[in-house]
């Protein structure tokens, strides 16, 4: 028997996804308060929210709970948490505005291209560059959320003072590089797939 929309919405993987969305205003609240302890708390909440991204997908596949609602909510939560954090961090002057504009422009462009690909019946898998981009964004945003310099002990061998905001900006610069290169790869894959589809269609028409 097929699950109702309500049952889909409140299964465990989708509940974890919704918790990720609920965590966004909490992180923003603590960042806005801006004290070092608040930023550390925000970092922990942000980390917990991003970790659920792995578990909700794993549970959905393992328990056979991959649903239409989950396919909508999961990427929505991912985009919301990244965009909300970046906009807030620009407002707090923790990250350059141009960097965020490039990232958001890339995401909107690729989302639009995915919609066109779907309408054409094309399935284009995410490339390695896109996965690296996502990982760097998550790490970079976490560093920018923590923001302040802290003494970090490296496996008990050496202690160094790390400025997390500087580290975060450089990690985000790396993510911009992979954002642009992975977007170009996606465009190439899209046009190649579209060309193959149209050539195949023309060949069928030619033999009819």
N, C-alpha and C. Protein backbone atom coordinates (compact mmCIF):
# COMPACT_ATOMS: atom_id res chain seq x y z
N UNK A 1 0.85 -1.20 0.00
CA UNK A 1 0.00 0.00 0.00
C UNK A 1 0.88 1.25 0.00
N UNK A 2 0.55 2.20 -0.85
CA UNK A 2 1.36 3.40 -0.98
C UNK A 2 1.15 4.33 0.21
N UNK A 3 2.28 4.93 0.70
CA UNK A 3 2.19 5.83 1.86
C UNK A 3 1.49 7.12 1.48
N UNK A 4 0.74 7.68 2.42
CA UNK A 4 0.10 8.98 2.19
C UNK A 4 1.16 10.07 2.30
N UNK A 5 0.81 11.25 1.84
CA UNK A 5 1.74 12.38 1.90
C UNK A 5 2.14 12.68 3.34
N UNK A 6 1.18 12.57 4.27
CA UNK A 6 1.47 12.82 5.68
C UNK A 6 2.45 11.79 6.22
N UNK A 7 2.27 10.52 5.84
CA UNK A 7 3.18 9.47 6.29
C UNK A 7 4.57 9.68 5.71
N UNK A 8 4.63 10.12 4.46
CA UNK A 8 5.93 10.42 3.86
C UNK A 8 6.64 11.55 4.60
N UNK A 9 5.87 12.58 4.91
CA UNK A 9 6.44 13.77 5.55
C UNK A 9 7.03 13.45 6.91
N UNK A 10 6.35 12.56 7.66
CA UNK A 10 6.76 12.30 9.04
C UNK A 10 7.52 10.99 9.22
N UNK A 11 8.09 10.44 8.13
CA UNK A 11 8.97 9.29 8.34
C UNK A 11 10.31 9.81 8.87
N UNK A 12 11.14 8.91 9.41
CA UNK A 12 12.36 9.32 10.12
C UNK A 12 13.33 10.12 9.24
N UNK A 13 13.65 9.67 8.02
CA UNK A 13 14.58 10.46 7.20
C UNK A 13 14.09 11.89 6.93
N UNK A 14 12.79 12.03 6.65
CA UNK A 14 12.27 13.37 6.37
C UNK A 14 12.19 14.23 7.63
N UNK A 15 11.98 13.59 8.78
CA UNK A 15 12.01 14.33 10.05
C UNK A 15 13.40 14.89 10.31
N UNK A 16 14.44 14.08 10.01
CA UNK A 16 15.82 14.56 10.16
C UNK A 16 16.09 15.74 9.23
N UNK A 17 15.56 15.64 8.01
CA UNK A 17 15.74 16.73 7.06
C UNK A 17 15.08 18.00 7.58
N UNK A 18 13.87 17.87 8.13
CA UNK A 18 13.17 19.04 8.66
C UNK A 18 13.89 19.62 9.87
N UNK A 19 14.51 18.76 10.68
CA UNK A 19 15.30 19.25 11.81
C UNK A 19 16.46 20.10 11.31
N UNK A 20 17.02 19.71 10.15
CA UNK A 20 18.11 20.48 9.55
C UNK A 20 17.62 21.88 9.19
N UNK A 21 16.41 21.97 8.69
CA UNK A 21 15.84 23.27 8.34
C UNK A 21 15.55 24.09 9.59
N UNK A 22 15.02 23.43 10.61
CA UNK A 22 14.70 24.11 11.88
C UNK A 22 15.98 24.64 12.54
N UNK A 23 17.09 23.95 12.34
CA UNK A 23 18.36 24.39 12.95
C UNK A 23 18.90 25.68 12.37
N UNK A 24 18.45 26.06 11.16
CA UNK A 24 18.99 27.25 10.51
C UNK A 24 18.77 28.52 11.34
N UNK A 25 17.53 28.84 11.76
CA UNK A 25 17.36 30.07 12.56
C UNK A 25 18.09 30.03 13.90
N UNK A 26 18.26 28.82 14.46
CA UNK A 26 19.02 28.72 15.72
C UNK A 26 20.47 29.13 15.50
N UNK A 27 21.07 28.62 14.43
CA UNK A 27 22.46 28.99 14.13
C UNK A 27 22.56 30.48 13.89
N UNK A 28 21.62 31.03 13.14
CA UNK A 28 21.64 32.47 12.82
C UNK A 28 21.49 33.32 14.08
N UNK A 29 20.67 32.86 15.01
CA UNK A 29 20.48 33.59 16.27
C UNK A 29 21.79 33.68 17.05
N UNK A 30 22.47 32.55 17.18
CA UNK A 30 23.73 32.56 17.95
C UNK A 30 24.83 33.34 17.23
N UNK A 31 24.87 33.25 15.89
CA UNK A 31 25.87 34.03 15.15
C UNK A 31 25.63 35.51 15.35
N UNK A 32 24.36 35.90 15.31
CA UNK A 32 24.03 37.32 15.42
C UNK A 32 24.43 37.89 16.78
N UNK A 33 24.31 37.07 17.83
CA UNK A 33 24.73 37.53 19.16
C UNK A 33 26.23 37.78 19.18
N UNK A 34 26.99 36.96 18.46
CA UNK A 34 28.37 37.30 18.10
C UNK A 34 29.47 37.09 19.12
N UNK A 35 29.14 36.72 20.37
CA UNK A 35 30.20 36.47 21.34
C UNK A 35 30.91 35.15 21.02
N UNK A 36 32.17 35.00 21.42
CA UNK A 36 32.91 33.77 21.11
C UNK A 36 32.17 32.49 21.50
N UNK A 37 31.58 32.47 22.70
CA UNK A 37 30.86 31.27 23.13
C UNK A 37 29.63 31.02 22.26
N UNK A 38 28.97 32.11 21.84
CA UNK A 38 27.80 31.97 20.96
C UNK A 38 28.20 31.37 19.62
N UNK A 39 29.35 31.79 19.11
CA UNK A 39 29.81 31.29 17.81
C UNK A 39 30.19 29.81 17.90
N UNK A 40 30.75 29.40 19.02
CA UNK A 40 31.08 27.98 19.20
C UNK A 40 29.80 27.15 19.25
N UNK A 41 28.79 27.65 20.00
CA UNK A 41 27.50 26.95 20.06
C UNK A 41 26.88 26.86 18.66
N UNK A 42 26.94 27.98 17.93
CA UNK A 42 26.42 27.99 16.56
C UNK A 42 27.14 26.97 15.70
N UNK A 43 28.46 26.85 15.90
CA UNK A 43 29.24 25.87 15.15
C UNK A 43 28.80 24.44 15.43
N UNK A 44 28.51 24.14 16.68
CA UNK A 44 28.04 22.80 17.05
C UNK A 44 26.68 22.50 16.44
N UNK A 45 25.77 23.48 16.51
CA UNK A 45 24.44 23.29 15.93
C UNK A 45 24.54 23.10 14.42
N UNK A 46 25.37 23.92 13.78
CA UNK A 46 25.56 23.81 12.33
C UNK A 46 26.14 22.45 11.97
N UNK A 47 27.12 21.99 12.75
CA UNK A 47 27.73 20.67 12.48
C UNK A 47 26.70 19.56 12.61
N UNK A 48 25.86 19.63 13.66
CA UNK A 48 24.83 18.61 13.85
C UNK A 48 23.83 18.63 12.69
N UNK A 49 23.49 19.83 12.22
CA UNK A 49 22.55 19.94 11.11
C UNK A 49 23.12 19.34 9.83
N UNK A 50 24.38 19.61 9.55
CA UNK A 50 24.98 19.08 8.33
C UNK A 50 25.19 17.57 8.39
N UNK A 51 25.46 17.05 9.59
CA UNK A 51 25.65 15.59 9.73
C UNK A 51 24.36 14.85 9.41
N UNK A 52 23.21 15.45 9.74
CA UNK A 52 21.94 14.79 9.43
C UNK A 52 21.75 14.60 7.93
N UNK A 53 22.48 15.39 7.12
CA UNK A 53 22.38 15.25 5.67
C UNK A 53 22.84 13.87 5.23
N UNK A 54 23.83 13.32 5.93
CA UNK A 54 24.29 11.96 5.62
C UNK A 54 23.29 10.92 6.11
N UNK A 55 22.84 11.11 7.35
CA UNK A 55 21.99 10.08 7.97
C UNK A 55 20.61 9.98 7.33
N UNK A 56 20.02 11.11 6.93
CA UNK A 56 18.69 11.01 6.35
C UNK A 56 18.72 10.25 5.01
N UNK A 57 19.76 10.50 4.22
CA UNK A 57 19.88 9.77 2.96
C UNK A 57 20.17 8.30 3.17
N UNK A 58 21.04 8.02 4.15
CA UNK A 58 21.40 6.62 4.45
C UNK A 58 20.18 5.84 4.93
N UNK A 59 19.43 6.44 5.85
CA UNK A 59 18.25 5.75 6.39
C UNK A 59 17.17 5.57 5.33
N UNK A 60 17.01 6.59 4.48
CA UNK A 60 15.99 6.49 3.43
C UNK A 60 16.28 5.32 2.49
N UNK A 61 17.55 5.16 2.13
CA UNK A 61 17.91 4.05 1.24
C UNK A 61 17.84 2.71 1.95
N UNK A 62 18.33 2.66 3.18
CA UNK A 62 18.38 1.40 3.92
C UNK A 62 16.99 0.88 4.28
N UNK A 63 16.10 1.79 4.65
CA UNK A 63 14.76 1.40 5.08
C UNK A 63 13.72 1.45 3.94
N UNK A 64 14.19 1.74 2.73
CA UNK A 64 13.26 1.81 1.61
C UNK A 64 12.26 2.95 1.74
N UNK A 65 12.73 4.09 2.28
CA UNK A 65 11.84 5.22 2.52
C UNK A 65 12.16 6.41 1.62
N UNK A 66 12.68 6.13 0.43
CA UNK A 66 12.92 7.20 -0.53
C UNK A 66 11.57 7.66 -1.08
N UNK A 67 11.21 8.91 -0.81
CA UNK A 67 9.88 9.41 -1.16
C UNK A 67 9.99 10.68 -2.01
N UNK A 68 8.87 11.03 -2.63
CA UNK A 68 8.81 12.27 -3.40
C UNK A 68 9.06 13.47 -2.48
N UNK A 69 8.47 13.43 -1.28
CA UNK A 69 8.66 14.52 -0.33
C UNK A 69 10.12 14.64 0.08
N UNK A 70 10.78 13.50 0.26
CA UNK A 70 12.20 13.51 0.62
C UNK A 70 13.06 14.07 -0.49
N UNK A 71 12.72 13.73 -1.74
CA UNK A 71 13.48 14.24 -2.88
C UNK A 71 13.34 15.75 -3.00
N UNK A 72 12.22 16.29 -2.51
CA UNK A 72 12.03 17.74 -2.49
C UNK A 72 12.72 18.40 -1.30
N UNK A 73 12.53 17.82 -0.11
CA UNK A 73 13.02 18.45 1.11
C UNK A 73 14.54 18.41 1.25
N UNK A 74 15.16 17.30 0.85
CA UNK A 74 16.61 17.14 1.09
C UNK A 74 17.43 18.20 0.36
N UNK A 75 17.30 18.36 -0.96
CA UNK A 75 18.07 19.43 -1.61
C UNK A 75 17.65 20.82 -1.16
N UNK A 76 16.35 20.99 -0.81
CA UNK A 76 15.90 22.29 -0.31
C UNK A 76 16.63 22.64 0.98
N UNK A 77 16.73 21.69 1.90
CA UNK A 77 17.42 21.93 3.17
C UNK A 77 18.88 22.26 2.94
N UNK A 78 19.52 21.54 2.01
CA UNK A 78 20.93 21.79 1.71
C UNK A 78 21.14 23.21 1.22
N UNK A 79 20.30 23.63 0.27
CA UNK A 79 20.46 24.98 -0.30
C UNK A 79 20.12 26.05 0.73
N UNK A 80 19.08 25.83 1.52
CA UNK A 80 18.67 26.82 2.50
C UNK A 80 19.76 27.08 3.54
N UNK A 81 20.37 26.00 4.03
CA UNK A 81 21.35 26.19 5.09
C UNK A 81 22.60 26.89 4.57
N UNK A 82 22.99 26.59 3.34
CA UNK A 82 24.16 27.25 2.75
C UNK A 82 23.84 28.72 2.46
N UNK A 83 22.72 28.98 1.81
CA UNK A 83 22.38 30.36 1.43
C UNK A 83 22.13 31.23 2.66
N UNK A 84 21.41 30.70 3.65
CA UNK A 84 21.12 31.48 4.85
C UNK A 84 22.40 31.84 5.60
N UNK A 85 23.29 30.87 5.74
CA UNK A 85 24.55 31.14 6.44
C UNK A 85 25.39 32.17 5.70
N UNK A 86 25.50 32.03 4.37
CA UNK A 86 26.34 32.94 3.61
C UNK A 86 25.80 34.37 3.64
N UNK A 87 24.49 34.53 3.52
CA UNK A 87 23.90 35.87 3.57
C UNK A 87 24.14 36.50 4.95
N UNK A 88 23.96 35.71 6.00
CA UNK A 88 24.20 36.21 7.35
C UNK A 88 25.68 36.59 7.55
N UNK A 89 26.57 35.76 7.03
CA UNK A 89 28.01 36.01 7.20
C UNK A 89 28.47 37.23 6.43
N UNK A 90 27.85 37.52 5.29
CA UNK A 90 28.15 38.75 4.55
C UNK A 90 27.70 39.95 5.38
N UNK A 91 26.50 39.85 5.97
CA UNK A 91 25.98 40.95 6.79
C UNK A 91 26.88 41.25 7.98
N UNK A 92 27.56 40.21 8.48
CA UNK A 92 28.46 40.39 9.62
C UNK A 92 29.90 40.66 9.19
N UNK A 93 30.11 40.85 7.88
CA UNK A 93 31.43 41.18 7.32
C UNK A 93 32.47 40.09 7.60
N UNK A 94 32.02 38.84 7.58
CA UNK A 94 32.94 37.73 7.81
C UNK A 94 33.42 37.09 6.51
N UNK A 95 32.75 37.43 5.40
CA UNK A 95 33.10 36.86 4.11
C UNK A 95 32.81 37.90 3.03
N UNK A 96 33.66 37.99 1.98
CA UNK A 96 33.42 38.99 0.93
C UNK A 96 32.11 38.74 0.17
N UNK A 97 31.41 39.82 -0.14
CA UNK A 97 30.14 39.69 -0.84
C UNK A 97 30.28 39.07 -2.22
N UNK A 98 31.38 39.40 -2.96
CA UNK A 98 31.54 38.89 -4.32
C UNK A 98 31.60 37.37 -4.32
N UNK A 99 32.22 36.81 -3.28
CA UNK A 99 32.37 35.36 -3.19
C UNK A 99 31.00 34.69 -3.06
N UNK A 100 30.16 35.27 -2.25
CA UNK A 100 28.81 34.72 -2.04
C UNK A 100 27.97 34.87 -3.30
N UNK A 101 28.12 36.00 -4.01
CA UNK A 101 27.38 36.21 -5.25
C UNK A 101 27.73 35.13 -6.27
N UNK A 102 29.01 34.80 -6.39
CA UNK A 102 29.44 33.76 -7.33
C UNK A 102 28.82 32.41 -6.95
N UNK A 103 28.86 32.08 -5.67
CA UNK A 103 28.32 30.79 -5.21
C UNK A 103 26.81 30.71 -5.47
N UNK A 104 26.07 31.76 -5.09
CA UNK A 104 24.62 31.72 -5.25
C UNK A 104 24.22 31.75 -6.73
N UNK A 105 24.97 32.52 -7.54
CA UNK A 105 24.68 32.56 -8.98
C UNK A 105 24.89 31.18 -9.59
N UNK A 106 25.94 30.50 -9.16
CA UNK A 106 26.21 29.15 -9.67
C UNK A 106 25.08 28.20 -9.32
N UNK A 107 24.63 28.25 -8.06
CA UNK A 107 23.57 27.34 -7.62
C UNK A 107 22.27 27.59 -8.39
N UNK A 108 21.91 28.85 -8.59
CA UNK A 108 20.67 29.15 -9.31
C UNK A 108 20.77 28.72 -10.77
N UNK A 109 21.94 28.92 -11.37
CA UNK A 109 22.14 28.53 -12.77
C UNK A 109 22.03 27.03 -12.95
N UNK A 110 22.70 26.27 -12.08
CA UNK A 110 22.68 24.81 -12.19
C UNK A 110 21.30 24.26 -11.87
N UNK A 111 20.60 24.85 -10.91
CA UNK A 111 19.23 24.41 -10.61
C UNK A 111 18.32 24.62 -11.82
N UNK A 112 18.48 25.75 -12.51
CA UNK A 112 17.70 25.99 -13.71
C UNK A 112 18.03 25.00 -14.81
N UNK A 113 19.31 24.69 -14.94
CA UNK A 113 19.73 23.74 -15.97
C UNK A 113 19.22 22.34 -15.64
N UNK A 114 19.20 21.98 -14.36
CA UNK A 114 18.66 20.67 -13.95
C UNK A 114 17.18 20.57 -14.31
N UNK A 115 16.45 21.66 -14.11
CA UNK A 115 15.02 21.65 -14.45
C UNK A 115 14.83 21.43 -15.94
N UNK A 116 15.66 22.07 -16.76
CA UNK A 116 15.57 21.88 -18.21
C UNK A 116 15.93 20.45 -18.57
N UNK A 117 17.01 19.92 -17.94
CA UNK A 117 17.42 18.54 -18.21
C UNK A 117 16.30 17.57 -17.87
N UNK A 118 15.62 17.80 -16.74
CA UNK A 118 14.52 16.93 -16.34
C UNK A 118 13.38 16.98 -17.34
N UNK A 119 13.08 18.19 -17.84
CA UNK A 119 11.99 18.33 -18.81
C UNK A 119 12.33 17.64 -20.13
N UNK A 120 13.64 17.50 -20.40
CA UNK A 120 14.08 16.82 -21.62
C UNK A 120 14.29 15.33 -21.41
N UNK A 121 14.04 14.86 -20.18
CA UNK A 121 14.22 13.45 -19.87
C UNK A 121 15.67 13.04 -19.74
N UNK A 122 16.54 14.00 -19.38
CA UNK A 122 17.97 13.73 -19.25
C UNK A 122 18.34 13.59 -17.78
N UNK A 123 19.14 12.59 -17.46
CA UNK A 123 19.64 12.39 -16.10
C UNK A 123 21.15 12.62 -16.14
N UNK A 124 21.61 13.65 -15.43
CA UNK A 124 23.03 13.99 -15.41
C UNK A 124 23.53 13.85 -13.98
N UNK A 125 24.41 12.90 -13.76
CA UNK A 125 24.91 12.63 -12.40
C UNK A 125 25.83 13.75 -11.94
N UNK A 126 25.84 13.97 -10.62
CA UNK A 126 26.75 14.96 -10.04
C UNK A 126 28.19 14.49 -10.19
N UNK A 127 29.05 15.39 -10.60
CA UNK A 127 30.45 15.06 -10.79
C UNK A 127 31.25 15.15 -9.51
N UNK A 128 32.50 14.73 -9.59
CA UNK A 128 33.38 14.76 -8.42
C UNK A 128 33.63 16.19 -7.95
N UNK A 129 33.76 17.12 -8.92
CA UNK A 129 34.01 18.51 -8.56
C UNK A 129 32.89 19.10 -7.74
N UNK A 130 31.64 18.73 -8.07
CA UNK A 130 30.50 19.23 -7.31
C UNK A 130 30.51 18.73 -5.87
N UNK A 131 30.93 17.48 -5.69
CA UNK A 131 31.00 16.92 -4.33
C UNK A 131 32.11 17.59 -3.52
N UNK A 132 33.24 17.87 -4.17
CA UNK A 132 34.33 18.58 -3.48
C UNK A 132 33.87 19.98 -3.11
N UNK A 133 33.17 20.64 -4.03
CA UNK A 133 32.64 21.98 -3.77
C UNK A 133 31.75 21.99 -2.53
N UNK A 134 30.85 21.02 -2.45
CA UNK A 134 29.92 20.94 -1.32
C UNK A 134 30.67 20.73 0.00
N UNK A 135 31.66 19.82 -0.02
CA UNK A 135 32.44 19.55 1.20
C UNK A 135 33.20 20.80 1.65
N UNK A 136 33.82 21.51 0.71
CA UNK A 136 34.56 22.73 1.05
C UNK A 136 33.63 23.81 1.58
N UNK A 137 32.44 23.92 1.00
CA UNK A 137 31.49 24.91 1.49
C UNK A 137 31.10 24.63 2.93
N UNK A 138 30.82 23.37 3.24
CA UNK A 138 30.42 23.01 4.60
C UNK A 138 31.54 23.33 5.60
N UNK A 139 32.77 22.98 5.24
CA UNK A 139 33.92 23.24 6.13
C UNK A 139 34.16 24.74 6.25
N UNK A 140 34.14 25.43 5.11
CA UNK A 140 34.39 26.87 5.12
C UNK A 140 33.36 27.63 5.93
N UNK A 141 32.10 27.30 5.76
CA UNK A 141 31.04 27.98 6.52
C UNK A 141 31.20 27.71 8.01
N UNK A 142 31.56 26.48 8.38
CA UNK A 142 31.78 26.16 9.80
C UNK A 142 32.88 27.04 10.38
N UNK A 143 33.98 27.19 9.65
CA UNK A 143 35.08 28.04 10.14
C UNK A 143 34.64 29.49 10.27
N UNK A 144 33.85 29.97 9.31
CA UNK A 144 33.37 31.36 9.36
C UNK A 144 32.38 31.56 10.50
N UNK A 145 31.59 30.53 10.79
CA UNK A 145 30.66 30.60 11.92
C UNK A 145 31.43 30.70 13.24
N UNK A 146 32.47 29.88 13.40
CA UNK A 146 33.29 29.93 14.63
C UNK A 146 34.01 31.28 14.74
N UNK A 147 34.58 31.73 13.62
CA UNK A 147 35.05 33.11 13.43
C UNK A 147 36.31 33.50 14.20
N UNK A 148 36.33 33.31 15.47
CA UNK A 148 37.39 33.87 16.31
C UNK A 148 38.67 33.02 16.27
N UNK A 149 39.83 33.64 16.59
CA UNK A 149 41.07 32.85 16.71
C UNK A 149 41.03 31.98 17.98
N UNK A 150 41.50 30.75 17.87
CA UNK A 150 41.58 29.84 19.01
C UNK A 150 42.90 29.08 18.95
N UNK A 151 43.38 28.69 20.15
CA UNK A 151 44.55 27.81 20.22
C UNK A 151 44.09 26.39 19.91
N UNK A 152 44.71 25.78 18.92
CA UNK A 152 44.35 24.42 18.50
C UNK A 152 45.52 23.50 18.74
N UNK A 153 45.25 22.39 19.43
CA UNK A 153 46.28 21.40 19.73
C UNK A 153 46.25 20.30 18.67
N UNK A 154 47.37 20.13 17.97
CA UNK A 154 47.46 19.14 16.90
C UNK A 154 47.99 17.82 17.44
N UNK A 155 47.07 16.92 17.78
CA UNK A 155 47.37 15.56 18.24
C UNK A 155 48.37 15.56 19.39
N UNK A 156 48.28 16.57 20.24
CA UNK A 156 49.14 16.62 21.41
C UNK A 156 50.59 16.96 21.13
N UNK A 157 50.93 17.26 19.85
CA UNK A 157 52.33 17.52 19.49
C UNK A 157 52.65 18.99 19.40
N UNK A 158 51.69 19.77 18.99
CA UNK A 158 51.96 21.19 18.76
C UNK A 158 50.68 21.98 18.93
N UNK A 159 50.78 23.15 19.53
CA UNK A 159 49.63 24.04 19.68
C UNK A 159 49.86 25.30 18.87
N UNK A 160 48.89 25.65 18.07
CA UNK A 160 49.00 26.85 17.25
C UNK A 160 47.72 27.66 17.35
N UNK A 161 47.86 28.97 17.18
CA UNK A 161 46.68 29.84 17.22
C UNK A 161 46.13 29.97 15.80
N UNK A 162 44.90 29.53 15.62
CA UNK A 162 44.28 29.51 14.30
C UNK A 162 43.18 30.56 14.23
N UNK A 163 43.28 31.43 13.22
CA UNK A 163 42.21 32.40 12.97
C UNK A 163 41.19 31.72 12.06
N UNK A 164 40.09 31.29 12.65
CA UNK A 164 39.11 30.50 11.90
C UNK A 164 38.46 31.29 10.77
N UNK A 165 38.34 32.60 10.93
CA UNK A 165 37.72 33.37 9.86
C UNK A 165 38.61 33.42 8.62
N UNK A 166 39.91 33.59 8.83
CA UNK A 166 40.85 33.60 7.70
C UNK A 166 40.85 32.23 7.01
N UNK A 167 40.91 31.17 7.81
CA UNK A 167 40.86 29.82 7.25
C UNK A 167 39.57 29.62 6.45
N UNK A 168 38.46 30.08 7.03
CA UNK A 168 37.16 29.92 6.36
C UNK A 168 37.10 30.62 5.02
N UNK A 169 37.66 31.84 4.94
CA UNK A 169 37.65 32.57 3.67
C UNK A 169 38.46 31.83 2.61
N UNK A 170 39.63 31.31 2.98
CA UNK A 170 40.45 30.60 2.00
C UNK A 170 39.80 29.29 1.56
N UNK A 171 39.14 28.62 2.49
CA UNK A 171 38.42 27.39 2.11
C UNK A 171 37.27 27.73 1.16
N UNK A 172 36.60 28.84 1.42
CA UNK A 172 35.50 29.26 0.54
C UNK A 172 36.02 29.67 -0.84
N UNK A 173 37.20 30.27 -0.89
CA UNK A 173 37.80 30.58 -2.20
C UNK A 173 38.03 29.28 -2.98
N UNK A 174 38.51 28.24 -2.28
CA UNK A 174 38.67 26.94 -2.92
C UNK A 174 37.34 26.39 -3.41
N UNK A 175 36.29 26.59 -2.62
CA UNK A 175 34.96 26.10 -3.02
C UNK A 175 34.45 26.84 -4.25
N UNK A 176 34.79 28.13 -4.37
CA UNK A 176 34.39 28.91 -5.55
C UNK A 176 35.06 28.33 -6.81
N UNK A 177 36.34 27.97 -6.69
CA UNK A 177 37.04 27.36 -7.83
C UNK A 177 36.31 26.11 -8.31
N UNK A 178 35.96 25.22 -7.36
CA UNK A 178 35.27 23.99 -7.73
C UNK A 178 33.82 24.27 -8.14
N UNK A 179 33.22 25.35 -7.61
CA UNK A 179 31.88 25.73 -8.04
C UNK A 179 31.86 26.05 -9.52
N UNK A 180 32.85 26.84 -9.95
CA UNK A 180 32.90 27.27 -11.35
C UNK A 180 33.27 26.11 -12.25
N UNK A 181 34.31 25.33 -11.88
CA UNK A 181 34.75 24.23 -12.75
C UNK A 181 33.70 23.13 -12.84
N UNK A 182 33.03 22.82 -11.71
CA UNK A 182 31.99 21.78 -11.76
C UNK A 182 30.78 22.25 -12.54
N UNK A 183 30.48 23.57 -12.50
CA UNK A 183 29.38 24.10 -13.30
C UNK A 183 29.70 23.97 -14.79
N UNK A 184 30.94 24.26 -15.17
CA UNK A 184 31.33 24.10 -16.57
C UNK A 184 31.24 22.64 -16.99
N UNK A 185 31.64 21.73 -16.11
CA UNK A 185 31.52 20.30 -16.40
C UNK A 185 30.06 19.90 -16.59
N UNK A 186 29.18 20.47 -15.75
CA UNK A 186 27.75 20.15 -15.85
C UNK A 186 27.18 20.65 -17.18
N UNK A 187 27.58 21.87 -17.58
CA UNK A 187 27.13 22.40 -18.85
C UNK A 187 27.57 21.50 -20.01
N UNK A 188 28.84 21.07 -19.96
CA UNK A 188 29.34 20.20 -21.02
C UNK A 188 28.57 18.88 -21.07
N UNK A 189 28.32 18.30 -19.87
CA UNK A 189 27.59 17.04 -19.81
C UNK A 189 26.16 17.22 -20.30
N UNK A 190 25.54 18.35 -19.95
CA UNK A 190 24.17 18.61 -20.38
C UNK A 190 24.07 18.71 -21.90
N UNK A 191 24.94 19.52 -22.51
CA UNK A 191 24.87 19.71 -23.96
C UNK A 191 25.26 18.43 -24.70
N UNK A 192 26.19 17.65 -24.13
CA UNK A 192 26.56 16.38 -24.77
C UNK A 192 25.38 15.40 -24.72
N UNK A 193 24.69 15.34 -23.56
CA UNK A 193 23.54 14.44 -23.43
C UNK A 193 22.40 14.89 -24.34
N UNK A 194 22.19 16.20 -24.41
CA UNK A 194 21.12 16.73 -25.28
C UNK A 194 21.43 16.44 -26.75
N UNK A 195 22.70 16.58 -27.11
CA UNK A 195 23.10 16.31 -28.50
C UNK A 195 22.91 14.83 -28.84
N UNK A 196 23.29 13.95 -27.91
CA UNK A 196 23.11 12.51 -28.15
C UNK A 196 21.63 12.16 -28.31
N UNK A 197 20.80 12.77 -27.46
CA UNK A 197 19.36 12.51 -27.55
C UNK A 197 18.79 12.95 -28.89
N UNK A 198 19.19 14.13 -29.34
CA UNK A 198 18.65 14.65 -30.60
C UNK A 198 19.19 13.88 -31.80
N UNK A 199 20.46 13.47 -31.74
CA UNK A 199 21.00 12.66 -32.84
C UNK A 199 20.28 11.33 -32.92
N UNK A 200 20.00 10.73 -31.74
CA UNK A 200 19.29 9.46 -31.71
C UNK A 200 17.89 9.61 -32.26
N UNK A 201 17.24 10.74 -31.93
CA UNK A 201 15.88 11.00 -32.42
C UNK A 201 15.88 11.17 -33.93
N UNK A 202 16.90 11.90 -34.44
CA UNK A 202 16.99 12.12 -35.88
C UNK A 202 17.22 10.83 -36.62
N UNK A 203 18.05 9.92 -36.02
CA UNK A 203 18.32 8.65 -36.67
C UNK A 203 17.06 7.79 -36.75
N UNK A 204 16.27 7.83 -35.65
CA UNK A 204 15.01 7.06 -35.65
C UNK A 204 14.08 7.60 -36.73
N UNK A 205 13.98 8.94 -36.84
CA UNK A 205 13.11 9.54 -37.85
C UNK A 205 13.60 9.22 -39.26
N UNK A 206 14.93 9.14 -39.44
CA UNK A 206 15.49 8.87 -40.74
C UNK A 206 15.23 7.45 -41.22
N UNK A 207 15.06 6.51 -40.28
CA UNK A 207 14.82 5.11 -40.65
C UNK A 207 13.35 4.76 -40.69
N UNK A 208 12.50 5.71 -40.32
CA UNK A 208 11.05 5.44 -40.27
C UNK A 208 10.46 5.33 -41.67
